[in-house]
């Protein structure tokens, strides 16, 4: 079985990890802004259903985006393990 040799795996994997971590960080900031907007808005007092519905939908989008980025990190880490196993 021919397995291609990758001379510098760090340059290949590091951007993937960085991208996933940055994605998680961005979603965390988005979540915090969303919560602050709802808690601090007049809609929280007046129970504006449209704003609250939008916030709930956005929270679901944020959760899905964080899960996707976490799966990317997991896949990248598994790839590193596979490359280490091949190297050893």
Foldseek 3Di string as FASTA:
>chain_A
DDDDDDPCVCVVLVVLLVVLVVQLVVLVVVLVVLVCCCVVDCCVVVVPVVSVVVSVVSVVVSVVSNVVSVVSNVVSVVVVVVVVVVVD
